[in-house]
């Protein structure tokens, strides 16, 4: 069985990563699920490395800044950018985890738009 098979459906988003450990350049989360997300930008990382990132989610209850520690599951290079598949290992707090899961569940239920959303 392919260990990269996704268990959960991913939803298209456009979430700016405010802070992460790998590069100073801006990167975006392009899609997410309850257990992980795909980031794109001028970054290189190898599978198995750690990825810490801070970004904002937008559940109906209100925007929240979320910091996660993840594991790079795969990397695909396209021109000067790289797509990193990140598996979430832990959240900075239970409140941040709840906001993230609520946001994903709202996307899943169709409460939120599934098209690209703007965050700044």
Protein backbone atom coordinates (compact mmCIF):
# COMPACT_ATOMS: atom_id res chain seq x y z
CA UNK A 1 0.00 0.00 0.00
CA UNK A 2 1.32 3.44 -0.91
CA UNK A 3 2.14 5.32 2.32
CA UNK A 4 1.48 8.67 0.54
CA UNK A 5 -2.19 7.87 -0.08
CA UNK A 6 -4.37 10.55 1.46
CA UNK A 7 -6.99 9.46 3.95
CA UNK A 8 -8.90 12.75 4.00
CA UNK A 9 -10.26 14.88 1.19
CA UNK A 10 -8.24 18.04 0.55
CA UNK A 11 -9.83 21.44 0.02
CA UNK A 12 -8.39 24.19 -2.18
CA UNK A 13 -7.40 27.32 -0.28
CA UNK A 14 -4.84 30.08 -0.55
CA UNK A 15 -3.43 30.73 2.90
CA UNK A 16 -0.31 32.84 3.30
CA UNK A 17 2.23 31.27 5.63
CA UNK A 18 3.24 34.07 7.97
CA UNK A 19 6.23 32.32 9.43
CA UNK A 20 8.10 29.10 8.78
CA UNK A 21 11.59 27.81 9.43
CA UNK A 22 12.93 26.96 5.97
CA UNK A 23 13.12 30.20 3.94
CA UNK A 24 12.39 33.92 4.21
CA UNK A 25 10.40 33.92 0.96
CA UNK A 26 6.59 33.91 0.97
CA UNK A 27 4.92 30.54 0.60
CA UNK A 28 1.26 29.55 0.32
CA UNK A 29 -0.83 26.66 1.53
CA UNK A 30 -2.67 25.52 -1.61
CA UNK A 31 -4.85 22.81 -0.12
CA UNK A 32 -5.49 21.26 3.24
CA UNK A 33 -7.18 18.40 5.01
CA UNK A 34 -7.69 17.53 8.65
CA UNK A 35 -4.30 15.82 8.82
CA UNK A 36 -2.10 17.89 6.55
CA UNK A 37 -1.62 20.42 3.79
CA UNK A 38 0.31 21.23 0.64
CA UNK A 39 2.58 24.28 0.60
CA UNK A 40 4.15 25.85 -2.46
CA UNK A 41 7.07 28.22 -2.72
CA UNK A 42 10.82 28.55 -3.30
CA UNK A 43 11.70 25.96 -0.67
CA UNK A 44 13.58 22.72 -0.67
CA UNK A 45 13.16 20.07 1.97
CA UNK A 46 13.55 16.34 2.04
CA UNK A 47 10.95 13.79 3.07
CA UNK A 48 11.14 13.17 6.79
CA UNK A 49 12.31 16.66 7.71
CA UNK A 50 10.30 18.85 10.06
CA UNK A 51 8.28 21.86 9.01
CA UNK A 52 7.02 24.48 11.48
CA UNK A 53 4.58 27.05 10.13
CA UNK A 54 2.21 29.78 11.32
CA UNK A 55 -0.83 30.77 9.27
CA UNK A 56 -4.41 31.97 9.75
CA UNK A 57 -7.55 29.87 9.40
CA UNK A 58 -11.00 31.38 8.95
CA UNK A 59 -13.75 29.39 10.66
CA UNK A 60 -17.14 31.09 11.03
CA UNK A 61 -16.42 31.61 14.74
CA UNK A 62 -13.56 33.95 13.82
CA UNK A 63 -10.08 34.05 12.32
CA UNK A 64 -7.33 32.38 14.32
CA UNK A 65 -3.57 32.22 13.97
CA UNK A 66 -2.38 28.60 14.02
CA UNK A 67 1.13 27.24 14.49
CA UNK A 68 1.81 23.62 13.55
CA UNK A 69 4.76 21.28 13.55
CA UNK A 70 4.65 18.94 10.61
CA UNK A 71 6.62 16.29 8.82
CA UNK A 72 7.50 16.60 5.12
CA UNK A 73 5.99 13.55 3.44
CA UNK A 74 6.92 14.38 -0.15
CA UNK A 75 8.51 17.10 -2.25
CA UNK A 76 7.93 17.90 -5.92
CA UNK A 77 10.03 20.55 -7.69
CA UNK A 78 8.47 22.62 -10.48
CA UNK A 79 10.70 25.34 -11.98
CA UNK A 80 11.81 27.59 -9.10
CA UNK A 81 9.08 26.41 -6.70
CA UNK A 82 8.56 23.26 -4.71
CA UNK A 83 5.38 21.60 -3.48
CA UNK A 84 5.73 20.07 -0.03
CA UNK A 85 3.17 17.63 1.33
CA UNK A 86 3.05 18.19 5.08
CA UNK A 87 1.55 15.83 7.66
CA UNK A 88 0.55 17.70 10.81
CA UNK A 89 2.22 16.20 13.87
CA UNK A 90 1.15 18.72 16.51
CA UNK A 91 -0.43 22.12 17.11
CA UNK A 92 0.93 24.85 19.41
CA UNK A 93 -2.27 24.72 21.49
CA UNK A 94 -5.59 22.89 21.78
CA UNK A 95 -7.43 26.10 20.83
CA UNK A 96 -5.45 26.33 17.59
CA UNK A 97 -6.11 22.67 16.83
CA UNK A 98 -9.83 23.19 17.43
CA UNK A 99 -9.93 26.23 15.12
CA UNK A 100 -8.08 24.33 12.38
CA UNK A 101 -10.33 21.26 12.63
CA UNK A 102 -13.45 23.45 12.74
CA UNK A 103 -12.29 25.26 9.58
CA UNK A 104 -11.66 21.98 7.74
CA UNK A 105 -15.02 20.58 8.88
CA UNK A 106 -16.78 23.72 7.63
CA UNK A 107 -15.09 23.26 4.25
CA UNK A 108 -16.14 19.61 4.27
CA UNK A 109 -19.76 20.46 5.11
CA UNK A 110 -19.90 23.20 2.48
CA UNK A 111 -20.38 25.91 5.10
CA UNK A 112 -17.31 27.69 3.80
CA UNK A 113 -16.50 28.33 0.17
CA UNK A 114 -14.21 25.67 -1.29
CA UNK A 115 -12.77 28.03 -3.86
CA UNK A 116 -9.58 29.91 -3.14
CA UNK A 117 -9.89 32.24 -0.20
CA UNK A 118 -7.86 35.33 0.51
CA UNK A 119 -6.01 35.79 3.77
CA UNK A 120 -3.58 38.48 4.66
